[in-house]
Amino acid sequence: MKTTATVLKNNLGEYLQAASREPVTITRQGKAYAVLLSVEEYERLLELEDAWWARRAAEAEAGGEFLGPEASLAFMRDRLHGPEA
């Protein structure tokens, strides 16, 4: 389902109900801007992401691909603040 931000604002209850059945894409100036999801779908996506990272960690461990403490901190700093921080 797709709607504009203005229509969503004027019919929020209807779109909250719709989001319980399927994702609702919200457009702004003709471009996809956000997606309204049910809590269940959001939690399912978080679980999938957690499972992916767990698998990736297991693969890294099996392959001996570890970062030391300094490299880990640099990686996290880059992810949070950009490479120049």
PDB file of N, CA and C in Angstrom:
ATOM      1  N   MET A   1       0.848  -1.166   0.000  1.00  0.00           N
ATOM      2  CA  MET A   1       0.000   0.000   0.000  1.00  0.00           C
ATOM      3  C   MET A   1       0.897   1.234   0.000  1.00  0.00           C
ATOM      4  N   LYS A   2       0.434   2.278  -0.643  1.00  0.00           N
ATOM      5  CA  LYS A   2       1.190   3.512  -0.775  1.00  0.00           C
ATOM      6  C   LYS A   2       0.271   4.693  -0.493  1.00  0.00           C
ATOM      7  N   THR A   3       0.802   5.732   0.146  1.00  0.00           N
ATOM      8  CA  THR A   3       0.039   6.948   0.382  1.00  0.00           C
ATOM      9  C   THR A   3       0.995   8.128   0.498  1.00  0.00           C
ATOM     10  N   THR A   4       0.447   9.316   0.426  1.00  0.00           N
ATOM     11  CA  THR A   4       1.256  10.515   0.618  1.00  0.00           C
ATOM     12  C   THR A   4       1.254  10.885   2.097  1.00  0.00           C
ATOM     13  N   ALA A   5       2.217  11.699   2.497  1.00  0.00           N
ATOM     14  CA  ALA A   5       2.296  12.146   3.887  1.00  0.00           C
ATOM     15  C   ALA A   5       1.040  12.924   4.277  1.00  0.00           C
ATOM     16  N   THR A   6       0.506  13.723   3.367  1.00  0.00           N
ATOM     17  CA  THR A   6      -0.690  14.514   3.662  1.00  0.00           C
ATOM     18  C   THR A   6      -1.905  13.626   3.889  1.00  0.00           C
ATOM     19  N   VAL A   7      -2.102  12.643   3.021  1.00  0.00           N
ATOM     20  CA  VAL A   7      -3.236  11.726   3.175  1.00  0.00           C
ATOM     21  C   VAL A   7      -3.079  10.925   4.464  1.00  0.00           C
ATOM     22  N   LEU A   8      -1.856  10.507   4.768  1.00  0.00           N
ATOM     23  CA  LEU A   8      -1.607   9.776   6.015  1.00  0.00           C
ATOM     24  C   LEU A   8      -1.994  10.626   7.214  1.00  0.00           C
ATOM     25  N   LYS A   9      -1.574  11.873   7.210  1.00  0.00           N
ATOM     26  CA  LYS A   9      -1.871  12.776   8.321  1.00  0.00           C
ATOM     27  C   LYS A   9      -3.374  12.906   8.539  1.00  0.00           C
ATOM     28  N   ASN A  10      -4.122  12.978   7.459  1.00  0.00           N
ATOM     29  CA  ASN A  10      -5.570  13.165   7.554  1.00  0.00           C
ATOM     30  C   ASN A  10      -6.338  11.883   7.833  1.00  0.00           C
ATOM     31  N   ASN A  11      -5.695  10.721   7.677  1.00  0.00           N
ATOM     32  CA  ASN A  11      -6.374   9.429   7.847  1.00  0.00           C
ATOM     33  C   ASN A  11      -5.509   8.454   8.640  1.00  0.00           C
ATOM     34  N   LEU A  12      -4.869   8.937   9.694  1.00  0.00           N
ATOM     35  CA  LEU A  12      -3.896   8.129  10.419  1.00  0.00           C
ATOM     36  C   LEU A  12      -4.472   6.811  10.917  1.00  0.00           C
ATOM     37  N   GLY A  13      -5.651   6.827  11.506  1.00  0.00           N
ATOM     38  CA  GLY A  13      -6.253   5.603  12.036  1.00  0.00           C
ATOM     39  C   GLY A  13      -6.408   4.528  10.976  1.00  0.00           C
ATOM     40  N   GLU A  14      -6.861   4.923   9.809  1.00  0.00           N
ATOM     41  CA  GLU A  14      -7.043   3.979   8.700  1.00  0.00           C
ATOM     42  C   GLU A  14      -5.709   3.343   8.298  1.00  0.00           C
ATOM     43  N   TYR A  15      -4.657   4.163   8.233  1.00  0.00           N
ATOM     44  CA  TYR A  15      -3.360   3.640   7.811  1.00  0.00           C
ATOM     45  C   TYR A  15      -2.671   2.831   8.906  1.00  0.00           C
ATOM     46  N   LEU A  16      -2.942   3.133  10.169  1.00  0.00           N
ATOM     47  CA  LEU A  16      -2.428   2.290  11.248  1.00  0.00           C
ATOM     48  C   LEU A  16      -3.033   0.897  11.155  1.00  0.00           C
ATOM     49  N   GLN A  17      -4.329   0.830  10.860  1.00  0.00           N
ATOM     50  CA  GLN A  17      -4.979  -0.476  10.673  1.00  0.00           C
ATOM     51  C   GLN A  17      -4.401  -1.195   9.457  1.00  0.00           C
ATOM     52  N   ALA A  18      -4.201  -0.467   8.374  1.00  0.00           N
ATOM     53  CA  ALA A  18      -3.643  -1.071   7.160  1.00  0.00           C
ATOM     54  C   ALA A  18      -2.239  -1.617   7.425  1.00  0.00           C
ATOM     55  N   ALA A  19      -1.452  -0.892   8.226  1.00  0.00           N
ATOM     56  CA  ALA A  19      -0.083  -1.326   8.521  1.00  0.00           C
ATOM     57  C   ALA A  19      -0.059  -2.614   9.329  1.00  0.00           C
ATOM     58  N   SER A  20      -1.152  -2.929  10.010  1.00  0.00           N
ATOM     59  CA  SER A  20      -1.203  -4.198  10.742  1.00  0.00           C
ATOM     60  C   SER A  20      -1.335  -5.373   9.780  1.00  0.00           C
ATOM     61  N   ARG A  21      -1.726  -5.094   8.536  1.00  0.00           N
ATOM     62  CA  ARG A  21      -1.884  -6.144   7.526  1.00  0.00           C
ATOM     63  C   ARG A  21      -0.736  -6.176   6.526  1.00  0.00           C
ATOM     64  N   GLU A  22      -0.193  -5.005   6.203  1.00  0.00           N
ATOM     65  CA  GLU A  22       0.864  -4.907   5.198  1.00  0.00           C
ATOM     66  C   GLU A  22       1.626  -3.601   5.396  1.00  0.00           C
ATOM     67  N   PRO A  23       2.884  -3.546   4.956  1.00  0.00           N
ATOM     68  CA  PRO A  23       3.636  -2.293   5.047  1.00  0.00           C
ATOM     69  C   PRO A  23       2.974  -1.198   4.205  1.00  0.00           C
ATOM     70  N   VAL A  24       3.012   0.024   4.718  1.00  0.00           N
ATOM     71  CA  VAL A  24       2.459   1.177   4.012  1.00  0.00           C
ATOM     72  C   VAL A  24       3.622   2.104   3.662  1.00  0.00           C
ATOM     73  N   THR A  25       3.851   2.303   2.366  1.00  0.00           N
ATOM     74  CA  THR A  25       4.898   3.210   1.912  1.00  0.00           C
ATOM     75  C   THR A  25       4.334   4.621   1.887  1.00  0.00           C
ATOM     76  N   ILE A  26       5.037   5.541   2.532  1.00  0.00           N
ATOM     77  CA  ILE A  26       4.607   6.934   2.597  1.00  0.00           C
ATOM     78  C   ILE A  26       5.496   7.732   1.655  1.00  0.00           C
ATOM     79  N   THR A  27       4.862   8.466   0.755  1.00  0.00           N
ATOM     80  CA  THR A  27       5.618   9.257  -0.210  1.00  0.00           C
ATOM     81  C   THR A  27       5.568  10.727   0.168  1.00  0.00           C
ATOM     82  N   ARG A  28       6.594  11.424  -0.279  1.00  0.00           N
ATOM     83  CA  ARG A  28       6.663  12.866  -0.069  1.00  0.00           C
ATOM     84  C   ARG A  28       7.238  13.453  -1.344  1.00  0.00           C
ATOM     85  N   GLN A  29       6.513  14.352  -1.938  1.00  0.00           N
ATOM     86  CA  GLN A  29       6.901  14.958  -3.212  1.00  0.00           C
ATOM     87  C   GLN A  29       7.184  13.894  -4.262  1.00  0.00           C
ATOM     88  N   GLY A  30       6.351  12.843  -4.255  1.00  0.00           N
ATOM     89  CA  GLY A  30       6.425  11.800  -5.263  1.00  0.00           C
ATOM     90  C   GLY A  30       7.485  10.734  -5.044  1.00  0.00           C
ATOM     91  N   LYS A  31       8.243  10.830  -3.952  1.00  0.00           N
ATOM     92  CA  LYS A  31       9.307   9.856  -3.686  1.00  0.00           C
ATOM     93  C   LYS A  31       9.018   9.108  -2.390  1.00  0.00           C
ATOM     94  N   ALA A  32       9.372   7.822  -2.369  1.00  0.00           N
ATOM     95  CA  ALA A  32       9.219   7.037  -1.146  1.00  0.00           C
ATOM     96  C   ALA A  32      10.029   7.708  -0.045  1.00  0.00           C
ATOM     97  N   TYR A  33       9.400   7.899   1.124  1.00  0.00           N
ATOM     98  CA  TYR A  33      10.025   8.646   2.212  1.00  0.00           C
ATOM     99  C   TYR A  33      10.163   7.809   3.479  1.00  0.00           C
ATOM    100  N   ALA A  34       9.155   6.968   3.749  1.00  0.00           N
ATOM    101  CA  ALA A  34       9.156   6.146   4.962  1.00  0.00           C
ATOM    102  C   ALA A  34       8.229   4.960   4.743  1.00  0.00           C
ATOM    103  N   VAL A  35       8.322   3.993   5.652  1.00  0.00           N
ATOM    104  CA  VAL A  35       7.434   2.835   5.605  1.00  0.00           C
ATOM    105  C   VAL A  35       6.840   2.647   6.991  1.00  0.00           C
ATOM    106  N   LEU A  36       5.536   2.499   7.048  1.00  0.00           N
ATOM    107  CA  LEU A  36       4.814   2.248   8.290  1.00  0.00           C
ATOM    108  C   LEU A  36       4.599   0.749   8.399  1.00  0.00           C
ATOM    109  N   LEU A  37       5.120   0.144   9.488  1.00  0.00           N
ATOM    110  CA  LEU A  37       5.045  -1.304   9.689  1.00  0.00           C
ATOM    111  C   LEU A  37       4.314  -1.617  10.983  1.00  0.00           C
ATOM    112  N   SER A  38       3.762  -2.816  11.046  1.00  0.00           N
ATOM    113  CA  SER A  38       3.221  -3.286  12.318  1.00  0.00           C
ATOM    114  C   SER A  38       4.388  -3.578  13.254  1.00  0.00           C
ATOM    115  N   VAL A  39       4.124  -3.583  14.545  1.00  0.00           N
ATOM    116  CA  VAL A  39       5.151  -3.913  15.526  1.00  0.00           C
ATOM    117  C   VAL A  39       5.669  -5.322  15.274  1.00  0.00           C
ATOM    118  N   GLU A  40       4.773  -6.242  14.949  1.00  0.00           N
ATOM    119  CA  GLU A  40       5.176  -7.625  14.701  1.00  0.00           C
ATOM    120  C   GLU A  40       6.156  -7.716  13.535  1.00  0.00           C
ATOM    121  N   GLU A  41       5.867  -7.005  12.455  1.00  0.00           N
ATOM    122  CA  GLU A  41       6.756  -7.036  11.289  1.00  0.00           C
ATOM    123  C   GLU A  41       8.101  -6.396  11.620  1.00  0.00           C
ATOM    124  N   TYR A  42       8.069  -5.300  12.348  1.00  0.00           N
ATOM    125  CA  TYR A  42       9.306  -4.628  12.753  1.00  0.00           C
ATOM    126  C   TYR A  42      10.164  -5.557  13.608  1.00  0.00           C
ATOM    127  N   GLU A  43       9.547  -6.220  14.581  1.00  0.00           N
ATOM    128  CA  GLU A  43      10.285  -7.146  15.446  1.00  0.00           C
ATOM    129  C   GLU A  43      10.827  -8.333  14.652  1.00  0.00           C
ATOM    130  N   ARG A  44      10.061  -8.808  13.668  1.00  0.00           N
ATOM    131  CA  ARG A  44      10.528  -9.902  12.821  1.00  0.00           C
ATOM    132  C   ARG A  44      11.770  -9.476  12.046  1.00  0.00           C
ATOM    133  N   LEU A  45      11.763  -8.267  11.525  1.00  0.00           N
ATOM    134  CA  LEU A  45      12.925  -7.760  10.794  1.00  0.00           C
ATOM    135  C   LEU A  45      14.140  -7.606  11.709  1.00  0.00           C
ATOM    136  N   LEU A  46      13.917  -7.152  12.940  1.00  0.00           N
ATOM    137  CA  LEU A  46      15.019  -7.052  13.896  1.00  0.00           C
ATOM    138  C   LEU A  46      15.609  -8.422  14.199  1.00  0.00           C
ATOM    139  N   GLU A  47      14.745  -9.427  14.358  1.00  0.00           N
ATOM    140  CA  GLU A  47      15.214 -10.790  14.609  1.00  0.00           C
ATOM    141  C   GLU A  47      16.021 -11.323  13.423  1.00  0.00           C
ATOM    142  N   LEU A  48      15.567 -11.032  12.205  1.00  0.00           N
ATOM    143  CA  LEU A  48      16.322 -11.448  11.017  1.00  0.00           C
ATOM    144  C   LEU A  48      17.700 -10.799  10.985  1.00  0.00           C
ATOM    145  N   GLU A  49      17.741  -9.514  11.320  1.00  0.00           N
ATOM    146  CA  GLU A  49      19.025  -8.818  11.337  1.00  0.00           C
ATOM    147  C   GLU A  49      19.942  -9.404  12.409  1.00  0.00           C
ATOM    148  N   ASP A  50      19.397  -9.664  13.600  1.00  0.00           N
ATOM    149  CA  ASP A  50      20.198 -10.275  14.668  1.00  0.00           C
ATOM    150  C   ASP A  50      20.742 -11.631  14.231  1.00  0.00           C
ATOM    151  N   ALA A  51      19.901 -12.429  13.580  1.00  0.00           N
ATOM    152  CA  ALA A  51      20.327 -13.752  13.109  1.00  0.00           C
ATOM    153  C   ALA A  51      21.427 -13.612  12.060  1.00  0.00           C
ATOM    154  N   TRP A  52      21.293 -12.635  11.175  1.00  0.00           N
ATOM    155  CA  TRP A  52      22.314 -12.415  10.154  1.00  0.00           C
ATOM    156  C   TRP A  52      23.653 -12.063  10.801  1.00  0.00           C
ATOM    157  N   TRP A  53      23.620 -11.134  11.777  1.00  0.00           N
ATOM    158  CA  TRP A  53      24.863 -10.741  12.442  1.00  0.00           C
ATOM    159  C   TRP A  53      25.460 -11.901  13.230  1.00  0.00           C
ATOM    160  N   ALA A  54      24.616 -12.715  13.862  1.00  0.00           N
ATOM    161  CA  ALA A  54      25.116 -13.881  14.601  1.00  0.00           C
ATOM    162  C   ALA A  54      25.804 -14.854  13.647  1.00  0.00           C
ATOM    163  N   ARG A  55      25.188 -15.062  12.494  1.00  0.00           N
ATOM    164  CA  ARG A  55      25.791 -15.956  11.495  1.00  0.00           C
ATOM    165  C   ARG A  55      27.111 -15.390  10.997  1.00  0.00           C
ATOM    166  N   ARG A  56      27.115 -14.107  10.732  1.00  0.00           N
ATOM    167  CA  ARG A  56      28.344 -13.448  10.256  1.00  0.00           C
ATOM    168  C   ARG A  56      29.451 -13.562  11.303  1.00  0.00           C
ATOM    169  N   ALA A  57      29.108 -13.384  12.576  1.00  0.00           N
ATOM    170  CA  ALA A  57      30.097 -13.505  13.651  1.00  0.00           C
ATOM    171  C   ALA A  57      30.636 -14.927  13.728  1.00  0.00           C
ATOM    172  N   ALA A  58      29.752 -15.911  13.593  1.00  0.00           N
ATOM    173  CA  ALA A  58      30.184 -17.314  13.629  1.00  0.00           C
ATOM    174  C   ALA A  58      31.114 -17.621  12.460  1.00  0.00           C
ATOM    175  N   GLU A  59      30.794 -17.092  11.275  1.00  0.00           N
ATOM    176  CA  GLU A  59      31.656 -17.295  10.109  1.00  0.00           C
ATOM    177  C   GLU A  59      33.017 -16.634  10.313  1.00  0.00           C
ATOM    178  N   ALA A  60      33.008 -15.431  10.895  1.00  0.00           N
ATOM    179  CA  ALA A  60      34.264 -14.726  11.151  1.00  0.00           C
ATOM    180  C   ALA A  60      35.107 -15.492  12.163  1.00  0.00           C
ATOM    181  N   GLU A  61      34.445 -16.001  13.196  1.00  0.00           N
ATOM    182  CA  GLU A  61      35.168 -16.771  14.213  1.00  0.00           C
ATOM    183  C   GLU A  61      35.769 -18.034  13.606  1.00  0.00           C
ATOM    184  N   ALA A  62      34.993 -18.724  12.795  1.00  0.00           N
ATOM    185  CA  ALA A  62      35.475 -19.956  12.161  1.00  0.00           C
ATOM    186  C   ALA A  62      36.643 -19.673  11.217  1.00  0.00           C
ATOM    187  N   GLY A  63      36.625 -18.505  10.579  1.00  0.00           N
ATOM    188  CA  GLY A  63      37.684 -18.153   9.635  1.00  0.00           C
ATOM    189  C   GLY A  63      38.836 -17.390  10.267  1.00  0.00           C
ATOM    190  N   GLY A  64      38.762 -17.156  11.577  1.00  0.00           N
ATOM    191  CA  GLY A  64      39.826 -16.428  12.262  1.00  0.00           C
ATOM    192  C   GLY A  64      39.862 -14.948  11.947  1.00  0.00           C
ATOM    193  N   GLU A  65      38.725 -14.389  11.517  1.00  0.00           N
ATOM    194  CA  GLU A  65      38.655 -12.968  11.143  1.00  0.00           C
ATOM    195  C   GLU A  65      38.261 -12.126  12.358  1.00  0.00           C
ATOM    196  N   PHE A  66      39.212 -11.782  13.193  1.00  0.00           N
ATOM    197  CA  PHE A  66      38.921 -10.975  14.370  1.00  0.00           C
ATOM    198  C   PHE A  66      39.597  -9.620  14.250  1.00  0.00           C
ATOM    199  N   LEU A  67      38.956  -8.601  14.807  1.00  0.00           N
ATOM    200  CA  LEU A  67      39.576  -7.291  14.928  1.00  0.00           C
ATOM    201  C   LEU A  67      40.098  -7.165  16.352  1.00  0.00           C
ATOM    202  N   GLY A  68      41.244  -6.568  16.497  1.00  0.00           N
ATOM    203  CA  GLY A  68      41.763  -6.292  17.829  1.00  0.00           C
ATOM    204  C   GLY A  68      40.983  -5.153  18.466  1.00  0.00           C
ATOM    205  N   PRO A  69      41.266  -4.845  19.735  1.00  0.00           N
ATOM    206  CA  PRO A  69      40.524  -3.794  20.441  1.00  0.00           C
ATOM    207  C   PRO A  69      40.610  -2.435  19.755  1.00  0.00           C
ATOM    208  N   GLU A  70      41.796  -2.028  19.304  1.00  0.00           N
ATOM    209  CA  GLU A  70      41.937  -0.717  18.670  1.00  0.00           C
ATOM    210  C   GLU A  70      41.203  -0.657  17.339  1.00  0.00           C
ATOM    211  N   ALA A  71      41.305  -1.699  16.538  1.00  0.00           N
ATOM    212  CA  ALA A  71      40.598  -1.740  15.254  1.00  0.00           C
ATOM    213  C   ALA A  71      39.090  -1.762  15.475  1.00  0.00           C
ATOM    214  N   SER A  72      38.645  -2.454  16.517  1.00  0.00           N
ATOM    215  CA  SER A  72      37.212  -2.491  16.835  1.00  0.00           C
ATOM    216  C   SER A  72      36.706  -1.106  17.208  1.00  0.00           C
ATOM    217  N   LEU A  73      37.467  -0.393  18.055  1.00  0.00           N
ATOM    218  CA  LEU A  73      37.073   0.966  18.445  1.00  0.00           C
ATOM    219  C   LEU A  73      37.052   1.902  17.244  1.00  0.00           C
ATOM    220  N   ALA A  74      38.050   1.804  16.380  1.00  0.00           N
ATOM    221  CA  ALA A  74      38.092   2.648  15.182  1.00  0.00           C
ATOM    222  C   ALA A  74      36.900   2.358  14.281  1.00  0.00           C
ATOM    223  N   PHE A  75      36.573   1.079  14.124  1.00  0.00           N
ATOM    224  CA  PHE A  75      35.419   0.697  13.305  1.00  0.00           C
ATOM    225  C   PHE A  75      34.141   1.305  13.878  1.00  0.00           C
ATOM    226  N   MET A  76      33.940   1.169  15.187  1.00  0.00           N
ATOM    227  CA  MET A  76      32.726   1.698  15.820  1.00  0.00           C
ATOM    228  C   MET A  76      32.684   3.224  15.728  1.00  0.00           C
ATOM    229  N   ARG A  77      33.826   3.882  15.927  1.00  0.00           N
ATOM    230  CA  ARG A  77      33.878   5.334  15.810  1.00  0.00           C
ATOM    231  C   ARG A  77      33.484   5.777  14.399  1.00  0.00           C
ATOM    232  N   ASP A  78      34.015   5.081  13.400  1.00  0.00           N
ATOM    233  CA  ASP A  78      33.674   5.401  12.008  1.00  0.00           C
ATOM    234  C   ASP A  78      32.193   5.212  11.743  1.00  0.00           C
ATOM    235  N   ARG A  79      31.619   4.136  12.263  1.00  0.00           N
ATOM    236  CA  ARG A  79      30.195   3.851  12.041  1.00  0.00           C
ATOM    237  C   ARG A  79      29.309   4.896  12.716  1.00  0.00           C
ATOM    238  N   LEU A  80      29.717   5.360  13.894  1.00  0.00           N
ATOM    239  CA  LEU A  80      28.895   6.308  14.647  1.00  0.00           C
ATOM    240  C   LEU A  80      29.095   7.752  14.209  1.00  0.00           C
ATOM    241  N   HIS A  81      30.331   8.127  13.898  1.00  0.00           N
ATOM    242  CA  HIS A  81      30.639   9.540  13.678  1.00  0.00           C
ATOM    243  C   HIS A  81      31.253   9.851  12.323  1.00  0.00           C
ATOM    244  N   GLY A  82      31.499   8.849  11.516  1.00  0.00           N
ATOM    245  CA  GLY A  82      32.152   9.065  10.234  1.00  0.00           C
ATOM    246  C   GLY A  82      33.653   8.892  10.368  1.00  0.00           C
ATOM    247  N   PRO A  83      34.342   8.674   9.269  1.00  0.00           N
ATOM    248  CA  PRO A  83      35.773   8.355   9.308  1.00  0.00           C
ATOM    249  C   PRO A  83      36.664   9.489   9.805  1.00  0.00           C
ATOM    250  N   GLU A  84      36.188  10.716   9.798  1.00  0.00           N
ATOM    251  CA  GLU A  84      37.020  11.855  10.208  1.00  0.00           C
ATOM    252  C   GLU A  84      36.980  12.115  11.705  1.00  0.00           C
ATOM    253  N   ALA A  85      36.139  11.416  12.474  1.00  0.00           N
ATOM    254  CA  ALA A  85      35.990  11.688  13.917  1.00  0.00           C
ATOM    255  C   ALA A  85      37.172  11.189  14.704  1.00  0.00           C
TER     256      ALA A  85
END
